[in-house]
């Protein structure tokens, strides 16, 4: 998933995406352990997607904190 698509989502939607990606990663690792995995490269893609989501969540939280601090000043 592209970072630009993720930036359009809310923090709650991003957290849901993170959960979905983590479930997919678990399933892919399970398939890998049992030798049933179709596309082993998908594991790396999902790991990077999780990292993107976490990065964007952090960016949004810092932006919200910054806006809150500006309102109080």
PDB file of N, CA and C in Angstrom:
ATOM      1  N   UNK A   1       0.838  -1.170   0.000  1.00  0.00           N
ATOM      2  CA  UNK A   1       0.000   0.000   0.000  1.00  0.00           C
ATOM      3  C   UNK A   1       0.888   1.239   0.000  1.00  0.00           C
ATOM      4  N   UNK A   2       0.460   2.247  -0.708  1.00  0.00           N
ATOM      5  CA  UNK A   2       1.250   3.460  -0.833  1.00  0.00           C
ATOM      6  C   UNK A   2       1.067   4.355   0.385  1.00  0.00           C
ATOM      7  N   UNK A   3       2.129   5.069   0.728  1.00  0.00           N
ATOM      8  CA  UNK A   3       2.080   5.971   1.885  1.00  0.00           C
ATOM      9  C   UNK A   3       1.073   7.093   1.653  1.00  0.00           C
ATOM     10  N   UNK A   4       0.945   7.553   0.419  1.00  0.00           N
ATOM     11  CA  UNK A   4      -0.008   8.628   0.134  1.00  0.00           C
ATOM     12  C   UNK A   4      -1.446   8.175   0.390  1.00  0.00           C
ATOM     13  N   UNK A   5      -1.737   6.914   0.126  1.00  0.00           N
ATOM     14  CA  UNK A   5      -3.070   6.378   0.414  1.00  0.00           C
ATOM     15  C   UNK A   5      -3.295   6.287   1.920  1.00  0.00           C
ATOM     16  N   UNK A   6      -2.253   5.926   2.654  1.00  0.00           N
ATOM     17  CA  UNK A   6      -2.367   5.779   4.100  1.00  0.00           C
ATOM     18  C   UNK A   6      -2.533   7.128   4.790  1.00  0.00           C
ATOM     19  N   UNK A   7      -1.930   8.168   4.238  1.00  0.00           N
ATOM     20  CA  UNK A   7      -2.015   9.492   4.864  1.00  0.00           C
ATOM     21  C   UNK A   7      -3.444  10.050   4.823  1.00  0.00           C
ATOM     22  N   UNK A   8      -4.260   9.564   3.930  1.00  0.00           N
ATOM     23  CA  UNK A   8      -5.639  10.027   3.835  1.00  0.00           C
ATOM     24  C   UNK A   8      -6.528   9.420   4.913  1.00  0.00           C
ATOM     25  N   UNK A   9      -6.057   8.398   5.613  1.00  0.00           N
ATOM     26  CA  UNK A   9      -6.858   7.705   6.615  1.00  0.00           C
ATOM     27  C   UNK A   9      -6.712   8.365   7.986  1.00  0.00           C
ATOM     28  N   UNK A  10      -7.708   8.131   8.850  1.00  0.00           N
ATOM     29  CA  UNK A  10      -7.637   8.629  10.217  1.00  0.00           C
ATOM     30  C   UNK A  10      -6.756   7.701  11.052  1.00  0.00           C
ATOM     31  N   UNK A  11      -6.433   8.140  12.253  1.00  0.00           N
ATOM     32  CA  UNK A  11      -5.585   7.325  13.130  1.00  0.00           C
ATOM     33  C   UNK A  11      -6.277   6.011  13.467  1.00  0.00           C
ATOM     34  N   UNK A  12      -7.579   6.045  13.719  1.00  0.00           N
ATOM     35  CA  UNK A  12      -8.308   4.808  14.022  1.00  0.00           C
ATOM     36  C   UNK A  12      -8.295   3.845  12.843  1.00  0.00           C
ATOM     37  N   UNK A  13      -8.466   4.376  11.649  1.00  0.00           N
ATOM     38  CA  UNK A  13      -8.420   3.525  10.451  1.00  0.00           C
ATOM     39  C   UNK A  13      -7.020   2.953  10.249  1.00  0.00           C
ATOM     40  N   UNK A  14      -5.998   3.755  10.564  1.00  0.00           N
ATOM     41  CA  UNK A  14      -4.625   3.277  10.440  1.00  0.00           C
ATOM     42  C   UNK A  14      -4.351   2.152  11.433  1.00  0.00           C
ATOM     43  N   UNK A  15      -4.872   2.281  12.632  1.00  0.00           N
ATOM     44  CA  UNK A  15      -4.676   1.219  13.627  1.00  0.00           C
ATOM     45  C   UNK A  15      -5.369  -0.066  13.200  1.00  0.00           C
ATOM     46  N   UNK A  16      -6.523   0.065  12.550  1.00  0.00           N
ATOM     47  CA  UNK A  16      -7.219  -1.111  12.030  1.00  0.00           C
ATOM     48  C   UNK A  16      -6.395  -1.759  10.917  1.00  0.00           C
ATOM     49  N   UNK A  17      -5.817  -0.915  10.049  1.00  0.00           N
ATOM     50  CA  UNK A  17      -4.945  -1.430   8.980  1.00  0.00           C
ATOM     51  C   UNK A  17      -3.756  -2.172   9.587  1.00  0.00           C
ATOM     52  N   UNK A  18      -3.176  -1.596  10.644  1.00  0.00           N
ATOM     53  CA  UNK A  18      -2.036  -2.239  11.299  1.00  0.00           C
ATOM     54  C   UNK A  18      -2.430  -3.622  11.810  1.00  0.00           C
ATOM     55  N   UNK A  19      -3.587  -3.712  12.450  1.00  0.00           N
ATOM     56  CA  UNK A  19      -4.064  -5.010  12.938  1.00  0.00           C
ATOM     57  C   UNK A  19      -4.233  -5.995  11.788  1.00  0.00           C
ATOM     58  N   UNK A  20      -4.818  -5.530  10.698  1.00  0.00           N
ATOM     59  CA  UNK A  20      -5.022  -6.396   9.537  1.00  0.00           C
ATOM     60  C   UNK A  20      -3.689  -6.900   8.980  1.00  0.00           C
ATOM     61  N   UNK A  21      -2.719  -5.982   8.878  1.00  0.00           N
ATOM     62  CA  UNK A  21      -1.407  -6.374   8.368  1.00  0.00           C
ATOM     63  C   UNK A  21      -0.726  -7.359   9.312  1.00  0.00           C
ATOM     64  N   UNK A  22      -0.859  -7.142  10.617  1.00  0.00           N
ATOM     65  CA  UNK A  22      -0.233  -8.053  11.583  1.00  0.00           C
ATOM     66  C   UNK A  22      -0.856  -9.453  11.512  1.00  0.00           C
ATOM     67  N   UNK A  23      -2.175  -9.514  11.303  1.00  0.00           N
ATOM     68  CA  UNK A  23      -2.832 -10.815  11.141  1.00  0.00           C
ATOM     69  C   UNK A  23      -2.334 -11.504   9.873  1.00  0.00           C
ATOM     70  N   UNK A  24      -2.221 -10.724   8.802  1.00  0.00           N
ATOM     71  CA  UNK A  24      -1.722 -11.288   7.545  1.00  0.00           C
ATOM     72  C   UNK A  24      -0.288 -11.788   7.719  1.00  0.00           C
ATOM     73  N   UNK A  25       0.542 -11.019   8.421  1.00  0.00           N
ATOM     74  CA  UNK A  25       1.922 -11.428   8.648  1.00  0.00           C
ATOM     75  C   UNK A  25       1.976 -12.723   9.458  1.00  0.00           C
ATOM     76  N   UNK A  26       1.124 -12.827  10.473  1.00  0.00           N
ATOM     77  CA  UNK A  26       1.070 -14.057  11.259  1.00  0.00           C
ATOM     78  C   UNK A  26       0.720 -15.248  10.373  1.00  0.00           C
ATOM     79  N   UNK A  27      -0.290 -15.066   9.534  1.00  0.00           N
ATOM     80  CA  UNK A  27      -0.714 -16.151   8.645  1.00  0.00           C
ATOM     81  C   UNK A  27       0.394 -16.518   7.651  1.00  0.00           C
ATOM     82  N   UNK A  28       1.088 -15.516   7.138  1.00  0.00           N
ATOM     83  CA  UNK A  28       2.179 -15.789   6.199  1.00  0.00           C
ATOM     84  C   UNK A  28       3.319 -16.537   6.881  1.00  0.00           C
ATOM     85  N   UNK A  29       3.633 -16.153   8.109  1.00  0.00           N
ATOM     86  CA  UNK A  29       4.688 -16.858   8.842  1.00  0.00           C
ATOM     87  C   UNK A  29       4.277 -18.291   9.140  1.00  0.00           C
ATOM     88  N   UNK A  30       3.014 -18.484   9.454  1.00  0.00           N
ATOM     89  CA  UNK A  30       2.502 -19.826   9.715  1.00  0.00           C
ATOM     90  C   UNK A  30       2.606 -20.677   8.446  1.00  0.00           C
ATOM     91  N   UNK A  31       2.201 -20.084   7.314  1.00  0.00           N
ATOM     92  CA  UNK A  31       2.295 -20.801   6.041  1.00  0.00           C
ATOM     93  C   UNK A  31       3.751 -21.126   5.709  1.00  0.00           C
ATOM     94  N   UNK A  32       4.644 -20.198   6.019  1.00  0.00           N
ATOM     95  CA  UNK A  32       6.059 -20.425   5.750  1.00  0.00           C
ATOM     96  C   UNK A  32       6.595 -21.582   6.587  1.00  0.00           C
ATOM     97  N   UNK A  33       6.175 -21.647   7.836  1.00  0.00           N
ATOM     98  CA  UNK A  33       6.644 -22.711   8.727  1.00  0.00           C
ATOM     99  C   UNK A  33       6.135 -24.077   8.296  1.00  0.00           C
ATOM    100  N   UNK A  34       4.922 -24.105   7.730  1.00  0.00           N
ATOM    101  CA  UNK A  34       4.349 -25.381   7.302  1.00  0.00           C
ATOM    102  C   UNK A  34       4.688 -25.714   5.852  1.00  0.00           C
ATOM    103  N   UNK A  35       5.377 -24.795   5.169  1.00  0.00           N
ATOM    104  CA  UNK A  35       5.794 -25.038   3.790  1.00  0.00           C
ATOM    105  C   UNK A  35       4.702 -24.825   2.762  1.00  0.00           C
ATOM    106  N   UNK A  36       3.636 -24.134   3.137  1.00  0.00           N
ATOM    107  CA  UNK A  36       2.514 -23.921   2.212  1.00  0.00           C
ATOM    108  C   UNK A  36       2.517 -22.538   1.564  1.00  0.00           C
ATOM    109  N   UNK A  37       3.500 -21.717   1.858  1.00  0.00           N
ATOM    110  CA  UNK A  37       3.479 -20.323   1.391  1.00  0.00           C
ATOM    111  C   UNK A  37       3.623 -20.264  -0.131  1.00  0.00           C
ATOM    112  N   UNK A  38       2.796 -19.443  -0.750  1.00  0.00           N
ATOM    113  CA  UNK A  38       2.811 -19.283  -2.199  1.00  0.00           C
ATOM    114  C   UNK A  38       3.837 -18.242  -2.635  1.00  0.00           C
ATOM    115  N   UNK A  39       3.888 -17.113  -1.888  1.00  0.00           N
ATOM    116  CA  UNK A  39       4.758 -16.008  -2.264  1.00  0.00           C
ATOM    117  C   UNK A  39       5.549 -15.559  -1.032  1.00  0.00           C
ATOM    118  N   UNK A  40       6.742 -16.095  -0.817  1.00  0.00           N
ATOM    119  CA  UNK A  40       7.507 -15.754   0.371  1.00  0.00           C
ATOM    120  C   UNK A  40       7.926 -14.282   0.442  1.00  0.00           C
ATOM    121  N   UNK A  41       8.003 -13.608  -0.682  1.00  0.00           N
ATOM    122  CA  UNK A  41       8.376 -12.190  -0.692  1.00  0.00           C
ATOM    123  C   UNK A  41       7.287 -11.313  -0.078  1.00  0.00           C
ATOM    124  N   UNK A  42       6.085 -11.844   0.003  1.00  0.00           N
ATOM    125  CA  UNK A  42       4.969 -11.084   0.573  1.00  0.00           C
ATOM    126  C   UNK A  42       5.225 -10.752   2.050  1.00  0.00           C
ATOM    127  N   UNK A  43       5.988 -11.591   2.742  1.00  0.00           N
ATOM    128  CA  UNK A  43       6.306 -11.337   4.151  1.00  0.00           C
ATOM    129  C   UNK A  43       7.020  -9.992   4.288  1.00  0.00           C
ATOM    130  N   UNK A  44       8.016  -9.750   3.452  1.00  0.00           N
ATOM    131  CA  UNK A  44       8.752  -8.486   3.511  1.00  0.00           C
ATOM    132  C   UNK A  44       7.868  -7.304   3.161  1.00  0.00           C
ATOM    133  N   UNK A  45       6.978  -7.478   2.199  1.00  0.00           N
ATOM    134  CA  UNK A  45       6.080  -6.400   1.798  1.00  0.00           C
ATOM    135  C   UNK A  45       5.154  -6.031   2.959  1.00  0.00           C
ATOM    136  N   UNK A  46       4.607  -7.027   3.628  1.00  0.00           N
ATOM    137  CA  UNK A  46       3.689  -6.772   4.738  1.00  0.00           C
ATOM    138  C   UNK A  46       4.438  -6.115   5.898  1.00  0.00           C
ATOM    139  N   UNK A  47       5.663  -6.559   6.171  1.00  0.00           N
ATOM    140  CA  UNK A  47       6.455  -5.938   7.238  1.00  0.00           C
ATOM    141  C   UNK A  47       6.694  -4.462   6.939  1.00  0.00           C
ATOM    142  N   UNK A  48       6.983  -4.147   5.701  1.00  0.00           N
ATOM    143  CA  UNK A  48       7.198  -2.749   5.323  1.00  0.00           C
ATOM    144  C   UNK A  48       5.907  -1.944   5.400  1.00  0.00           C
ATOM    145  N   UNK A  49       4.782  -2.566   5.063  1.00  0.00           N
ATOM    146  CA  UNK A  49       3.488  -1.892   5.187  1.00  0.00           C
ATOM    147  C   UNK A  49       3.189  -1.559   6.646  1.00  0.00           C
ATOM    148  N   UNK A  50       3.504  -2.472   7.544  1.00  0.00           N
ATOM    149  CA  UNK A  50       3.308  -2.214   8.977  1.00  0.00           C
ATOM    150  C   UNK A  50       4.169  -1.028   9.403  1.00  0.00           C
ATOM    151  N   UNK A  51       5.401  -0.991   8.953  1.00  0.00           N
ATOM    152  CA  UNK A  51       6.295   0.118   9.294  1.00  0.00           C
ATOM    153  C   UNK A  51       5.755   1.441   8.759  1.00  0.00           C
ATOM    154  N   UNK A  52       5.230   1.437   7.543  1.00  0.00           N
ATOM    155  CA  UNK A  52       4.646   2.652   6.973  1.00  0.00           C
ATOM    156  C   UNK A  52       3.484   3.144   7.819  1.00  0.00           C
ATOM    157  N   UNK A  53       2.605   2.226   8.207  1.00  0.00           N
ATOM    158  CA  UNK A  53       1.440   2.595   9.006  1.00  0.00           C
ATOM    159  C   UNK A  53       1.888   3.194  10.336  1.00  0.00           C
ATOM    160  N   UNK A  54       2.832   2.546  11.003  1.00  0.00           N
ATOM    161  CA  UNK A  54       3.303   3.045  12.299  1.00  0.00           C
ATOM    162  C   UNK A  54       3.961   4.417  12.162  1.00  0.00           C
ATOM    163  N   UNK A  55       4.707   4.626  11.090  1.00  0.00           N
ATOM    164  CA  UNK A  55       5.348   5.918  10.851  1.00  0.00           C
ATOM    165  C   UNK A  55       4.309   7.010  10.650  1.00  0.00           C
ATOM    166  N   UNK A  56       3.287   6.718   9.878  1.00  0.00           N
ATOM    167  CA  UNK A  56       2.257   7.724   9.601  1.00  0.00           C
ATOM    168  C   UNK A  56       1.437   8.012  10.853  1.00  0.00           C
ATOM    169  N   UNK A  57       1.169   6.998  11.670  1.00  0.00           N
ATOM    170  CA  UNK A  57       0.468   7.220  12.937  1.00  0.00           C
ATOM    171  C   UNK A  57       1.280   8.181  13.810  1.00  0.00           C
ATOM    172  N   UNK A  58       2.584   7.949  13.903  1.00  0.00           N
ATOM    173  CA  UNK A  58       3.453   8.813  14.702  1.00  0.00           C
ATOM    174  C   UNK A  58       3.450  10.235  14.154  1.00  0.00           C
ATOM    175  N   UNK A  59       3.528  10.378  12.835  1.00  0.00           N
ATOM    176  CA  UNK A  59       3.495  11.704  12.218  1.00  0.00           C
ATOM    177  C   UNK A  59       2.211  12.433  12.570  1.00  0.00           C
ATOM    178  N   UNK A  60       1.089  11.738  12.448  1.00  0.00           N
ATOM    179  CA  UNK A  60      -0.208  12.358  12.733  1.00  0.00           C
ATOM    180  C   UNK A  60      -0.333  12.747  14.204  1.00  0.00           C
ATOM    181  N   UNK A  61       0.158  11.900  15.096  1.00  0.00           N
ATOM    182  CA  UNK A  61       0.088  12.207  16.524  1.00  0.00           C
ATOM    183  C   UNK A  61       0.940  13.429  16.858  1.00  0.00           C
ATOM    184  N   UNK A  62       2.131  13.504  16.295  1.00  0.00           N
ATOM    185  CA  UNK A  62       3.000  14.654  16.549  1.00  0.00           C
ATOM    186  C   UNK A  62       2.394  15.926  15.971  1.00  0.00           C
ATOM    187  N   UNK A  63       1.761  15.806  14.819  1.00  0.00           N
ATOM    188  CA  UNK A  63       1.116  16.961  14.204  1.00  0.00           C
ATOM    189  C   UNK A  63      -0.039  17.451  15.074  1.00  0.00           C
ATOM    190  N   UNK A  64      -0.803  16.506  15.633  1.00  0.00           N
ATOM    191  CA  UNK A  64      -1.921  16.881  16.500  1.00  0.00           C
ATOM    192  C   UNK A  64      -1.402  17.554  17.783  1.00  0.00           C
ATOM    193  N   UNK A  65      -0.315  17.033  18.353  1.00  0.00           N
ATOM    194  CA  UNK A  65       0.279  17.631  19.546  1.00  0.00           C
ATOM    195  C   UNK A  65       0.782  19.039  19.245  1.00  0.00           C
ATOM    196  N   UNK A  66       1.396  19.210  18.079  1.00  0.00           N
ATOM    197  CA  UNK A  66       1.913  20.501  17.687  1.00  0.00           C
ATOM    198  C   UNK A  66       0.779  21.518  17.527  1.00  0.00           C
ATOM    199  N   UNK A  67      -0.331  21.087  16.915  1.00  0.00           N
ATOM    200  CA  UNK A  67      -1.474  21.965  16.737  1.00  0.00           C
ATOM    201  C   UNK A  67      -2.092  22.329  18.083  1.00  0.00           C
ATOM    202  N   UNK A  68      -2.127  21.364  19.006  1.00  0.00           N
ATOM    203  CA  UNK A  68      -2.650  21.616  20.339  1.00  0.00           C
ATOM    204  C   UNK A  68      -1.790  22.606  21.098  1.00  0.00           C
ATOM    205  N   UNK A  69      -0.481  22.509  20.949  1.00  0.00           N
ATOM    206  CA  UNK A  69       0.434  23.423  21.621  1.00  0.00           C
ATOM    207  C   UNK A  69       0.310  24.834  21.043  1.00  0.00           C
ATOM    208  N   UNK A  70       0.061  24.941  19.752  1.00  0.00           N
ATOM    209  CA  UNK A  70      -0.088  26.254  19.121  1.00  0.00           C
ATOM    210  C   UNK A  70      -1.373  26.938  19.581  1.00  0.00           C
ATOM    211  N   UNK A  71      -2.422  26.147  19.807  1.00  0.00           N
ATOM    212  CA  UNK A  71      -3.695  26.716  20.275  1.00  0.00           C
ATOM    213  C   UNK A  71      -3.581  27.231  21.705  1.00  0.00           C
ATOM    214  N   UNK A  72      -2.777  26.554  22.508  1.00  0.00           N
ATOM    215  CA  UNK A  72      -2.613  26.949  23.909  1.00  0.00           C
ATOM    216  C   UNK A  72      -1.681  28.144  24.068  1.00  0.00           C
ATOM    217  N   UNK A  73      -0.865  28.400  23.078  1.00  0.00           N
ATOM    218  CA  UNK A  73       0.112  29.499  23.181  1.00  0.00           C
ATOM    219  C   UNK A  73      -0.501  30.827  22.855  1.00  0.00           C
TER     220      UNK A  73
END
